[in-house]
Amino acid sequence: MILLKRSQIKLFTALIFLFFPLHFAAAGDAAIGKEKSTLCMGCHGSNGISVSPEIPNLAGQKKTYLVNALKDFRAEVRKNPIMNSMAKPLSDADIENLTTYFSSLK
């Protein structure tokens, strides 16, 4: 039997609570994301495939990448006047829903 010191148990417990919400709590709703995506369709296409080679496709992208990109645009860490203004009003829930939708497309 493995015996752990009290400090190891505290560290292990803290790590579980630190990473639990990242993997389980923020699932997103693809149906809500699809409804919210109408503004995205003008550039990124109705099926997540962009209308121009200069505009990235969103369909099938990894969710984590899309979440990070939108949050960076919202915070203006990534600079693009169009995307900065589009992402600024998005809540964390909006971002979860949008990214769940676009990452589910093939």
PDB file of N, CA and C in Angstrom:
ATOM      1  N   MET A   1       0.837  -1.177   0.000  1.00  0.00           N
ATOM      2  CA  MET A   1       0.000   0.000   0.000  1.00  0.00           C
ATOM      3  C   MET A   1       0.887   1.248   0.000  1.00  0.00           C
ATOM      4  N   ILE A   2       0.488   2.236  -0.776  1.00  0.00           N
ATOM      5  CA  ILE A   2       1.252   3.470  -0.860  1.00  0.00           C
ATOM      6  C   ILE A   2       0.761   4.436   0.207  1.00  0.00           C
ATOM      7  N   LEU A   3       1.698   4.955   0.975  1.00  0.00           N
ATOM      8  CA  LEU A   3       1.360   5.953   1.992  1.00  0.00           C
ATOM      9  C   LEU A   3       1.864   7.314   1.526  1.00  0.00           C
ATOM     10  N   LEU A   4       0.997   8.283   1.595  1.00  0.00           N
ATOM     11  CA  LEU A   4       1.356   9.630   1.184  1.00  0.00           C
ATOM     12  C   LEU A   4       1.437  10.548   2.389  1.00  0.00           C
ATOM     13  N   LYS A   5       2.348  11.472   2.316  1.00  0.00           N
ATOM     14  CA  LYS A   5       2.439  12.475   3.365  1.00  0.00           C
ATOM     15  C   LYS A   5       1.284  13.449   3.228  1.00  0.00           C
ATOM     16  N   ARG A   6       0.957  14.105   4.311  1.00  0.00           N
ATOM     17  CA  ARG A   6      -0.145  15.066   4.320  1.00  0.00           C
ATOM     18  C   ARG A   6       0.067  16.147   3.250  1.00  0.00           C
ATOM     19  N   SER A   7       1.280  16.639   3.081  1.00  0.00           N
ATOM     20  CA  SER A   7       1.566  17.678   2.086  1.00  0.00           C
ATOM     21  C   SER A   7       1.347  17.156   0.664  1.00  0.00           C
ATOM     22  N   GLN A   8       1.648  15.883   0.419  1.00  0.00           N
ATOM     23  CA  GLN A   8       1.430  15.299  -0.894  1.00  0.00           C
ATOM     24  C   GLN A   8      -0.057  15.162  -1.181  1.00  0.00           C
ATOM     25  N   ILE A   9      -0.821  14.806  -0.187  1.00  0.00           N
ATOM     26  CA  ILE A   9      -2.270  14.687  -0.352  1.00  0.00           C
ATOM     27  C   ILE A   9      -2.873  16.055  -0.653  1.00  0.00           C
ATOM     28  N   LYS A  10      -2.431  17.088   0.058  1.00  0.00           N
ATOM     29  CA  LYS A  10      -2.932  18.441  -0.190  1.00  0.00           C
ATOM     30  C   LYS A  10      -2.599  18.894  -1.609  1.00  0.00           C
ATOM     31  N   LEU A  11      -1.384  18.631  -2.049  1.00  0.00           N
ATOM     32  CA  LEU A  11      -0.974  19.015  -3.392  1.00  0.00           C
ATOM     33  C   LEU A  11      -1.804  18.269  -4.435  1.00  0.00           C
ATOM     34  N   PHE A  12      -1.972  16.980  -4.263  1.00  0.00           N
ATOM     35  CA  PHE A  12      -2.757  16.173  -5.192  1.00  0.00           C
ATOM     36  C   PHE A  12      -4.199  16.671  -5.254  1.00  0.00           C
ATOM     37  N   THR A  13      -4.785  16.961  -4.096  1.00  0.00           N
ATOM     38  CA  THR A  13      -6.164  17.465  -4.040  1.00  0.00           C
ATOM     39  C   THR A  13      -6.274  18.811  -4.738  1.00  0.00           C
ATOM     40  N   ALA A  14      -5.315  19.696  -4.512  1.00  0.00           N
ATOM     41  CA  ALA A  14      -5.326  21.011  -5.158  1.00  0.00           C
ATOM     42  C   ALA A  14      -5.246  20.876  -6.671  1.00  0.00           C
ATOM     43  N   LEU A  15      -4.408  19.962  -7.151  1.00  0.00           N
ATOM     44  CA  LEU A  15      -4.283  19.759  -8.590  1.00  0.00           C
ATOM     45  C   LEU A  15      -5.577  19.238  -9.205  1.00  0.00           C
ATOM     46  N   ILE A  16      -6.251  18.349  -8.507  1.00  0.00           N
ATOM     47  CA  ILE A  16      -7.530  17.829  -9.001  1.00  0.00           C
ATOM     48  C   ILE A  16      -8.530  18.970  -9.149  1.00  0.00           C
ATOM     49  N   PHE A  17      -8.651  19.811  -8.132  1.00  0.00           N
ATOM     50  CA  PHE A  17      -9.610  20.912  -8.188  1.00  0.00           C
ATOM     51  C   PHE A  17      -9.186  21.991  -9.178  1.00  0.00           C
ATOM     52  N   LEU A  18      -7.894  22.117  -9.426  1.00  0.00           N
ATOM     53  CA  LEU A  18      -7.409  23.097 -10.386  1.00  0.00           C
ATOM     54  C   LEU A  18      -7.775  22.686 -11.807  1.00  0.00           C
ATOM     55  N   PHE A  19      -7.598  21.413 -12.142  1.00  0.00           N
ATOM     56  CA  PHE A  19      -7.819  20.967 -13.505  1.00  0.00           C
ATOM     57  C   PHE A  19      -9.226  20.441 -13.773  1.00  0.00           C
ATOM     58  N   PHE A  20      -9.988  20.118 -12.763  1.00  0.00           N
ATOM     59  CA  PHE A  20     -11.335  19.585 -12.956  1.00  0.00           C
ATOM     60  C   PHE A  20     -12.212  20.518 -13.785  1.00  0.00           C
ATOM     61  N   PRO A  21     -12.300  21.815 -13.462  1.00  0.00           N
ATOM     62  CA  PRO A  21     -13.185  22.677 -14.239  1.00  0.00           C
ATOM     63  C   PRO A  21     -12.754  22.828 -15.687  1.00  0.00           C
ATOM     64  N   LEU A  22     -11.465  22.733 -15.958  1.00  0.00           N
ATOM     65  CA  LEU A  22     -10.995  22.891 -17.324  1.00  0.00           C
ATOM     66  C   LEU A  22     -11.472  21.765 -18.226  1.00  0.00           C
ATOM     67  N   HIS A  23     -11.621  20.598 -17.676  1.00  0.00           N
ATOM     68  CA  HIS A  23     -11.967  19.454 -18.505  1.00  0.00           C
ATOM     69  C   HIS A  23     -13.441  19.077 -18.475  1.00  0.00           C
ATOM     70  N   PHE A  24     -14.136  19.430 -17.415  1.00  0.00           N
ATOM     71  CA  PHE A  24     -15.493  18.932 -17.287  1.00  0.00           C
ATOM     72  C   PHE A  24     -16.567  20.009 -17.215  1.00  0.00           C
ATOM     73  N   ALA A  25     -16.274  21.148 -16.662  1.00  0.00           N
ATOM     74  CA  ALA A  25     -17.318  22.137 -16.419  1.00  0.00           C
ATOM     75  C   ALA A  25     -17.651  22.974 -17.646  1.00  0.00           C
ATOM     76  N   ALA A  26     -16.698  23.200 -18.530  1.00  0.00           N
ATOM     77  CA  ALA A  26     -16.902  24.112 -19.636  1.00  0.00           C
ATOM     78  C   ALA A  26     -17.105  23.344 -20.944  1.00  0.00           C
ATOM     79  N   ALA A  27     -18.254  22.707 -21.074  1.00  0.00           N
ATOM     80  CA  ALA A  27     -18.496  21.870 -22.236  1.00  0.00           C
ATOM     81  C   ALA A  27     -18.985  22.665 -23.438  1.00  0.00           C
ATOM     82  N   GLY A  28     -19.851  23.626 -23.242  1.00  0.00           N
ATOM     83  CA  GLY A  28     -20.413  24.387 -24.352  1.00  0.00           C
ATOM     84  C   GLY A  28     -21.566  23.658 -24.998  1.00  0.00           C
ATOM     85  N   ASP A  29     -22.397  24.398 -25.708  1.00  0.00           N
ATOM     86  CA  ASP A  29     -23.585  23.867 -26.362  1.00  0.00           C
ATOM     87  C   ASP A  29     -23.502  24.220 -27.847  1.00  0.00           C
ATOM     88  N   ALA A  30     -23.339  23.222 -28.689  1.00  0.00           N
ATOM     89  CA  ALA A  30     -23.169  23.438 -30.127  1.00  0.00           C
ATOM     90  C   ALA A  30     -24.400  24.092 -30.760  1.00  0.00           C
ATOM     91  N   ALA A  31     -25.600  23.751 -30.294  1.00  0.00           N
ATOM     92  CA  ALA A  31     -26.820  24.333 -30.869  1.00  0.00           C
ATOM     93  C   ALA A  31     -26.872  25.840 -30.605  1.00  0.00           C
ATOM     94  N   ILE A  32     -26.522  26.234 -29.395  1.00  0.00           N
ATOM     95  CA  ILE A  32     -26.489  27.665 -29.071  1.00  0.00           C
ATOM     96  C   ILE A  32     -25.365  28.332 -29.859  1.00  0.00           C
ATOM     97  N   GLY A  33     -24.228  27.656 -29.984  1.00  0.00           N
ATOM     98  CA  GLY A  33     -23.111  28.186 -30.759  1.00  0.00           C
ATOM     99  C   GLY A  33     -23.482  28.406 -32.210  1.00  0.00           C
ATOM    100  N   LYS A  34     -24.255  27.489 -32.779  1.00  0.00           N
ATOM    101  CA  LYS A  34     -24.696  27.636 -34.178  1.00  0.00           C
ATOM    102  C   LYS A  34     -25.561  28.877 -34.328  1.00  0.00           C
ATOM    103  N   GLU A  35     -26.480  29.086 -33.383  1.00  0.00           N
ATOM    104  CA  GLU A  35     -27.334  30.284 -33.422  1.00  0.00           C
ATOM    105  C   GLU A  35     -26.492  31.556 -33.329  1.00  0.00           C
ATOM    106  N   LYS A  36     -25.499  31.537 -32.475  1.00  0.00           N
ATOM    107  CA  LYS A  36     -24.653  32.710 -32.226  1.00  0.00           C
ATOM    108  C   LYS A  36     -23.684  32.966 -33.384  1.00  0.00           C
ATOM    109  N   SER A  37     -23.454  31.963 -34.232  1.00  0.00           N
ATOM    110  CA  SER A  37     -22.422  32.044 -35.267  1.00  0.00           C
ATOM    111  C   SER A  37     -22.833  32.837 -36.508  1.00  0.00           C
ATOM    112  N   THR A  38     -24.028  33.378 -36.554  1.00  0.00           N
ATOM    113  CA  THR A  38     -24.486  34.061 -37.769  1.00  0.00           C
ATOM    114  C   THR A  38     -23.568  35.223 -38.154  1.00  0.00           C
ATOM    115  N   LEU A  39     -23.022  35.934 -37.190  1.00  0.00           N
ATOM    116  CA  LEU A  39     -22.106  37.030 -37.508  1.00  0.00           C
ATOM    117  C   LEU A  39     -20.781  36.511 -38.050  1.00  0.00           C
ATOM    118  N   CYS A  40     -20.384  35.325 -37.647  1.00  0.00           N
ATOM    119  CA  CYS A  40     -19.119  34.732 -38.099  1.00  0.00           C
ATOM    120  C   CYS A  40     -19.205  34.293 -39.565  1.00  0.00           C
ATOM    121  N   MET A  41     -20.425  33.951 -39.994  1.00  0.00           N
ATOM    122  CA  MET A  41     -20.612  33.363 -41.317  1.00  0.00           C
ATOM    123  C   MET A  41     -20.236  34.291 -42.464  1.00  0.00           C
ATOM    124  N   GLY A  42     -20.315  35.595 -42.250  1.00  0.00           N
ATOM    125  CA  GLY A  42     -19.980  36.537 -43.314  1.00  0.00           C
ATOM    126  C   GLY A  42     -18.566  36.342 -43.837  1.00  0.00           C
ATOM    127  N   CYS A  43     -17.643  36.021 -42.967  1.00  0.00           N
ATOM    128  CA  CYS A  43     -16.242  35.824 -43.369  1.00  0.00           C
ATOM    129  C   CYS A  43     -15.818  34.359 -43.328  1.00  0.00           C
ATOM    130  N   HIS A  44     -16.273  33.642 -42.310  1.00  0.00           N
ATOM    131  CA  HIS A  44     -15.813  32.265 -42.100  1.00  0.00           C
ATOM    132  C   HIS A  44     -16.717  31.231 -42.752  1.00  0.00           C
ATOM    133  N   GLY A  45     -17.775  31.679 -43.441  1.00  0.00           N
ATOM    134  CA  GLY A  45     -18.656  30.783 -44.175  1.00  0.00           C
ATOM    135  C   GLY A  45     -19.709  30.119 -43.309  1.00  0.00           C
ATOM    136  N   SER A  46     -20.800  29.721 -43.931  1.00  0.00           N
ATOM    137  CA  SER A  46     -21.923  29.136 -43.194  1.00  0.00           C
ATOM    138  C   SER A  46     -21.596  27.773 -42.604  1.00  0.00           C
ATOM    139  N   ASN A  47     -20.608  27.106 -43.161  1.00  0.00           N
ATOM    140  CA  ASN A  47     -20.202  25.787 -42.663  1.00  0.00           C
ATOM    141  C   ASN A  47     -18.817  25.817 -42.024  1.00  0.00           C
ATOM    142  N   GLY A  48     -18.329  27.031 -41.707  1.00  0.00           N
ATOM    143  CA  GLY A  48     -17.017  27.159 -41.074  1.00  0.00           C
ATOM    144  C   GLY A  48     -15.853  27.134 -42.039  1.00  0.00           C
ATOM    145  N   ILE A  49     -16.146  27.072 -43.346  1.00  0.00           N
ATOM    146  CA  ILE A  49     -15.106  27.120 -44.375  1.00  0.00           C
ATOM    147  C   ILE A  49     -15.119  28.537 -44.929  1.00  0.00           C
ATOM    148  N   SER A  50     -14.002  29.229 -44.807  1.00  0.00           N
ATOM    149  CA  SER A  50     -13.951  30.658 -45.129  1.00  0.00           C
ATOM    150  C   SER A  50     -14.190  30.933 -46.605  1.00  0.00           C
ATOM    151  N   VAL A  51     -14.595  32.165 -46.870  1.00  0.00           N
ATOM    152  CA  VAL A  51     -14.897  32.592 -48.233  1.00  0.00           C
ATOM    153  C   VAL A  51     -13.657  33.126 -48.949  1.00  0.00           C
ATOM    154  N   SER A  52     -12.535  33.215 -48.252  1.00  0.00           N
ATOM    155  CA  SER A  52     -11.313  33.773 -48.823  1.00  0.00           C
ATOM    156  C   SER A  52     -10.098  33.018 -48.266  1.00  0.00           C
ATOM    157  N   PRO A  53      -9.049  32.868 -49.062  1.00  0.00           N
ATOM    158  CA  PRO A  53      -7.859  32.171 -48.556  1.00  0.00           C
ATOM    159  C   PRO A  53      -7.145  32.916 -47.426  1.00  0.00           C
ATOM    160  N   GLU A  54      -7.396  34.210 -47.280  1.00  0.00           N
ATOM    161  CA  GLU A  54      -6.775  34.987 -46.204  1.00  0.00           C
ATOM    162  C   GLU A  54      -7.486  34.822 -44.860  1.00  0.00           C
ATOM    163  N   ILE A  55      -8.675  34.243 -44.889  1.00  0.00           N
ATOM    164  CA  ILE A  55      -9.486  34.089 -43.673  1.00  0.00           C
ATOM    165  C   ILE A  55      -9.442  32.623 -43.255  1.00  0.00           C
ATOM    166  N   PRO A  56      -9.115  32.354 -41.987  1.00  0.00           N
ATOM    167  CA  PRO A  56      -8.989  30.950 -41.565  1.00  0.00           C
ATOM    168  C   PRO A  56     -10.316  30.196 -41.539  1.00  0.00           C
ATOM    169  N   ASN A  57     -10.226  28.908 -41.843  1.00  0.00           N
ATOM    170  CA  ASN A  57     -11.370  28.011 -41.666  1.00  0.00           C
ATOM    171  C   ASN A  57     -11.529  27.740 -40.181  1.00  0.00           C
ATOM    172  N   LEU A  58     -12.770  27.641 -39.729  1.00  0.00           N
ATOM    173  CA  LEU A  58     -13.034  27.330 -38.329  1.00  0.00           C
ATOM    174  C   LEU A  58     -13.522  25.897 -38.155  1.00  0.00           C
ATOM    175  N   ALA A  59     -14.093  25.338 -39.198  1.00  0.00           N
ATOM    176  CA  ALA A  59     -14.638  23.983 -39.125  1.00  0.00           C
ATOM    177  C   ALA A  59     -13.549  22.984 -38.774  1.00  0.00           C
ATOM    178  N   GLY A  60     -13.805  22.204 -37.734  1.00  0.00           N
ATOM    179  CA  GLY A  60     -12.908  21.133 -37.358  1.00  0.00           C
ATOM    180  C   GLY A  60     -11.652  21.552 -36.608  1.00  0.00           C
ATOM    181  N   GLN A  61     -11.502  22.839 -36.330  1.00  0.00           N
ATOM    182  CA  GLN A  61     -10.341  23.274 -35.549  1.00  0.00           C
ATOM    183  C   GLN A  61     -10.463  22.725 -34.131  1.00  0.00           C
ATOM    184  N   LYS A  62      -9.353  22.556 -33.482  1.00  0.00           N
ATOM    185  CA  LYS A  62      -9.375  22.104 -32.086  1.00  0.00           C
ATOM    186  C   LYS A  62     -10.026  23.176 -31.226  1.00  0.00           C
ATOM    187  N   LYS A  63     -10.890  22.731 -30.324  1.00  0.00           N
ATOM    188  CA  LYS A  63     -11.636  23.660 -29.488  1.00  0.00           C
ATOM    189  C   LYS A  63     -10.717  24.549 -28.664  1.00  0.00           C
ATOM    190  N   THR A  64      -9.678  23.967 -28.089  1.00  0.00           N
ATOM    191  CA  THR A  64      -8.758  24.742 -27.250  1.00  0.00           C
ATOM    192  C   THR A  64      -8.130  25.880 -28.046  1.00  0.00           C
ATOM    193  N   TYR A  65      -7.749  25.607 -29.276  1.00  0.00           N
ATOM    194  CA  TYR A  65      -7.170  26.647 -30.132  1.00  0.00           C
ATOM    195  C   TYR A  65      -8.178  27.773 -30.348  1.00  0.00           C
ATOM    196  N   LEU A  66      -9.425  27.413 -30.678  1.00  0.00           N
ATOM    197  CA  LEU A  66     -10.449  28.429 -30.941  1.00  0.00           C
ATOM    198  C   LEU A  66     -10.751  29.257 -29.692  1.00  0.00           C
ATOM    199  N   VAL A  67     -10.840  28.600 -28.538  1.00  0.00           N
ATOM    200  CA  VAL A  67     -11.098  29.317 -27.279  1.00  0.00           C
ATOM    201  C   VAL A  67      -9.979  30.320 -27.028  1.00  0.00           C
ATOM    202  N   ASN A  68      -8.734  29.859 -27.123  1.00  0.00           N
ATOM    203  CA  ASN A  68      -7.593  30.747 -26.878  1.00  0.00           C
ATOM    204  C   ASN A  68      -7.564  31.906 -27.868  1.00  0.00           C
ATOM    205  N   ALA A  69      -7.837  31.622 -29.135  1.00  0.00           N
ATOM    206  CA  ALA A  69      -7.818  32.673 -30.158  1.00  0.00           C
ATOM    207  C   ALA A  69      -8.881  33.726 -29.862  1.00  0.00           C
ATOM    208  N   LEU A  70     -10.111  33.300 -29.575  1.00  0.00           N
ATOM    209  CA  LEU A  70     -11.180  34.270 -29.300  1.00  0.00           C
ATOM    210  C   LEU A  70     -10.907  35.088 -28.047  1.00  0.00           C
ATOM    211  N   LYS A  71     -10.406  34.442 -27.013  1.00  0.00           N
ATOM    212  CA  LYS A  71     -10.092  35.184 -25.787  1.00  0.00           C
ATOM    213  C   LYS A  71      -8.945  36.167 -26.020  1.00  0.00           C
ATOM    214  N   ASP A  72      -7.981  35.781 -26.837  1.00  0.00           N
ATOM    215  CA  ASP A  72      -6.883  36.693 -27.164  1.00  0.00           C
ATOM    216  C   ASP A  72      -7.369  37.869 -28.014  1.00  0.00           C
ATOM    217  N   PHE A  73      -8.279  37.613 -28.953  1.00  0.00           N
ATOM    218  CA  PHE A  73      -8.857  38.712 -29.728  1.00  0.00           C
ATOM    219  C   PHE A  73      -9.671  39.634 -28.821  1.00  0.00           C
ATOM    220  N   ARG A  74     -10.446  39.038 -27.923  1.00  0.00           N
ATOM    221  CA  ARG A  74     -11.276  39.830 -27.002  1.00  0.00           C
ATOM    222  C   ARG A  74     -10.409  40.729 -26.130  1.00  0.00           C
ATOM    223  N   ALA A  75      -9.290  40.215 -25.660  1.00  0.00           N
ATOM    224  CA  ALA A  75      -8.383  40.975 -24.791  1.00  0.00           C
ATOM    225  C   ALA A  75      -7.416  41.845 -25.590  1.00  0.00           C
ATOM    226  N   GLU A  76      -7.510  41.773 -26.911  1.00  0.00           N
ATOM    227  CA  GLU A  76      -6.634  42.499 -27.825  1.00  0.00           C
ATOM    228  C   GLU A  76      -5.163  42.117 -27.672  1.00  0.00           C
ATOM    229  N   VAL A  77      -4.934  40.875 -27.247  1.00  0.00           N
ATOM    230  CA  VAL A  77      -3.589  40.308 -27.235  1.00  0.00           C
ATOM    231  C   VAL A  77      -3.202  39.993 -28.682  1.00  0.00           C
ATOM    232  N   ARG A  78      -4.160  39.450 -29.420  1.00  0.00           N
ATOM    233  CA  ARG A  78      -3.997  39.274 -30.871  1.00  0.00           C
ATOM    234  C   ARG A  78      -4.641  40.483 -31.526  1.00  0.00           C
ATOM    235  N   LYS A  79      -3.930  41.110 -32.428  1.00  0.00           N
ATOM    236  CA  LYS A  79      -4.405  42.343 -33.058  1.00  0.00           C
ATOM    237  C   LYS A  79      -4.992  42.073 -34.437  1.00  0.00           C
ATOM    238  N   ASN A  80      -6.270  42.331 -34.561  1.00  0.00           N
ATOM    239  CA  ASN A  80      -6.979  42.328 -35.830  1.00  0.00           C
ATOM    240  C   ASN A  80      -8.224  43.167 -35.591  1.00  0.00           C
ATOM    241  N   PRO A  81      -8.326  44.339 -36.215  1.00  0.00           N
ATOM    242  CA  PRO A  81      -9.437  45.247 -35.906  1.00  0.00           C
ATOM    243  C   PRO A  81     -10.820  44.609 -36.033  1.00  0.00           C
ATOM    244  N   ILE A  82     -11.004  43.776 -37.037  1.00  0.00           N
ATOM    245  CA  ILE A  82     -12.317  43.140 -37.224  1.00  0.00           C
ATOM    246  C   ILE A  82     -12.576  42.134 -36.117  1.00  0.00           C
ATOM    247  N   MET A  83     -11.613  41.224 -35.893  1.00  0.00           N
ATOM    248  CA  MET A  83     -11.819  40.197 -34.876  1.00  0.00           C
ATOM    249  C   MET A  83     -11.843  40.784 -33.464  1.00  0.00           C
ATOM    250  N   ASN A  84     -11.059  41.806 -33.205  1.00  0.00           N
ATOM    251  CA  ASN A  84     -11.090  42.442 -31.882  1.00  0.00           C
ATOM    252  C   ASN A  84     -12.482  42.987 -31.596  1.00  0.00           C
ATOM    253  N   SER A  85     -13.100  43.651 -32.577  1.00  0.00           N
ATOM    254  CA  SER A  85     -14.441  44.206 -32.353  1.00  0.00           C
ATOM    255  C   SER A  85     -15.511  43.117 -32.294  1.00  0.00           C
ATOM    256  N   MET A  86     -15.315  42.022 -33.026  1.00  0.00           N
ATOM    257  CA  MET A  86     -16.298  40.927 -32.999  1.00  0.00           C
ATOM    258  C   MET A  86     -16.223  40.155 -31.673  1.00  0.00           C
ATOM    259  N   ALA A  87     -15.025  39.986 -31.150  1.00  0.00           N
ATOM    260  CA  ALA A  87     -14.843  39.186 -29.935  1.00  0.00           C
ATOM    261  C   ALA A  87     -15.107  39.976 -28.660  1.00  0.00           C
ATOM    262  N   LYS A  88     -14.977  41.287 -28.714  1.00  0.00           N
ATOM    263  CA  LYS A  88     -15.097  42.123 -27.510  1.00  0.00           C
ATOM    264  C   LYS A  88     -16.384  41.854 -26.725  1.00  0.00           C
ATOM    265  N   PRO A  89     -17.560  41.770 -27.359  1.00  0.00           N
ATOM    266  CA  PRO A  89     -18.792  41.568 -26.571  1.00  0.00           C
ATOM    267  C   PRO A  89     -19.061  40.117 -26.152  1.00  0.00           C
ATOM    268  N   LEU A  90     -18.230  39.175 -26.571  1.00  0.00           N
ATOM    269  CA  LEU A  90     -18.495  37.761 -26.264  1.00  0.00           C
ATOM    270  C   LEU A  90     -18.197  37.444 -24.803  1.00  0.00           C
ATOM    271  N   SER A  91     -19.131  36.759 -24.172  1.00  0.00           N
ATOM    272  CA  SER A  91     -18.905  36.257 -22.807  1.00  0.00           C
ATOM    273  C   SER A  91     -18.126  34.949 -22.894  1.00  0.00           C
ATOM    274  N   ASP A  92     -17.649  34.474 -21.760  1.00  0.00           N
ATOM    275  CA  ASP A  92     -16.978  33.171 -21.739  1.00  0.00           C
ATOM    276  C   ASP A  92     -17.934  32.071 -22.208  1.00  0.00           C
ATOM    277  N   ALA A  93     -19.210  32.168 -21.828  1.00  0.00           N
ATOM    278  CA  ALA A  93     -20.208  31.174 -22.257  1.00  0.00           C
ATOM    279  C   ALA A  93     -20.397  31.226 -23.771  1.00  0.00           C
ATOM    280  N   ASP A  94     -20.436  32.441 -24.347  1.00  0.00           N
ATOM    281  CA  ASP A  94     -20.550  32.574 -25.803  1.00  0.00           C
ATOM    282  C   ASP A  94     -19.368  31.887 -26.487  1.00  0.00           C
ATOM    283  N   ILE A  95     -18.186  32.119 -25.966  1.00  0.00           N
ATOM    284  CA  ILE A  95     -16.981  31.523 -26.550  1.00  0.00           C
ATOM    285  C   ILE A  95     -17.030  30.006 -26.451  1.00  0.00           C
ATOM    286  N   GLU A  96     -17.471  29.483 -25.319  1.00  0.00           N
ATOM    287  CA  GLU A  96     -17.590  28.023 -25.168  1.00  0.00           C
ATOM    288  C   GLU A  96     -18.574  27.457 -26.185  1.00  0.00           C
ATOM    289  N   ASN A  97     -19.711  28.113 -26.352  1.00  0.00           N
ATOM    290  CA  ASN A  97     -20.732  27.623 -27.281  1.00  0.00           C
ATOM    291  C   ASN A  97     -20.263  27.714 -28.733  1.00  0.00           C
ATOM    292  N   LEU A  98     -19.676  28.858 -29.109  1.00  0.00           N
ATOM    293  CA  LEU A  98     -19.189  29.019 -30.480  1.00  0.00           C
ATOM    294  C   LEU A  98     -18.099  28.006 -30.821  1.00  0.00           C
ATOM    295  N   THR A  99     -17.169  27.834 -29.928  1.00  0.00           N
ATOM    296  CA  THR A  99     -16.052  26.933 -30.200  1.00  0.00           C
ATOM    297  C   THR A  99     -16.489  25.462 -30.189  1.00  0.00           C
ATOM    298  N   THR A 100     -17.478  25.140 -29.389  1.00  0.00           N
ATOM    299  CA  THR A 100     -18.029  23.785 -29.416  1.00  0.00           C
ATOM    300  C   THR A 100     -18.669  23.519 -30.774  1.00  0.00           C
ATOM    301  N   TYR A 101     -19.409  24.512 -31.268  1.00  0.00           N
ATOM    302  CA  TYR A 101     -20.050  24.376 -32.575  1.00  0.00           C
ATOM    303  C   TYR A 101     -19.014  24.225 -33.689  1.00  0.00           C
ATOM    304  N   PHE A 102     -18.088  25.176 -33.807  1.00  0.00           N
ATOM    305  CA  PHE A 102     -17.142  25.131 -34.915  1.00  0.00           C
ATOM    306  C   PHE A 102     -16.208  23.929 -34.847  1.00  0.00           C
ATOM    307  N   SER A 103     -15.817  23.518 -33.664  1.00  0.00           N
ATOM    308  CA  SER A 103     -14.936  22.351 -33.565  1.00  0.00           C
ATOM    309  C   SER A 103     -15.680  21.046 -33.908  1.00  0.00           C
ATOM    310  N   SER A 104     -17.008  21.075 -33.856  1.00  0.00           N
ATOM    311  CA  SER A 104     -17.785  19.879 -34.173  1.00  0.00           C
ATOM    312  C   SER A 104     -18.001  19.711 -35.673  1.00  0.00           C
ATOM    313  N   LEU A 105     -17.759  20.766 -36.459  1.00  0.00           N
ATOM    314  CA  LEU A 105     -17.967  20.697 -37.911  1.00  0.00           C
ATOM    315  C   LEU A 105     -16.809  19.970 -38.573  1.00  0.00           C
ATOM    316  N   LYS A 106     -17.098  19.329 -39.676  1.00  0.00           N
ATOM    317  CA  LYS A 106     -16.053  18.609 -40.437  1.00  0.00           C
ATOM    318  C   LYS A 106     -15.918  19.199 -41.811  1.00  0.00           C
TER     319      LYS A 106
END
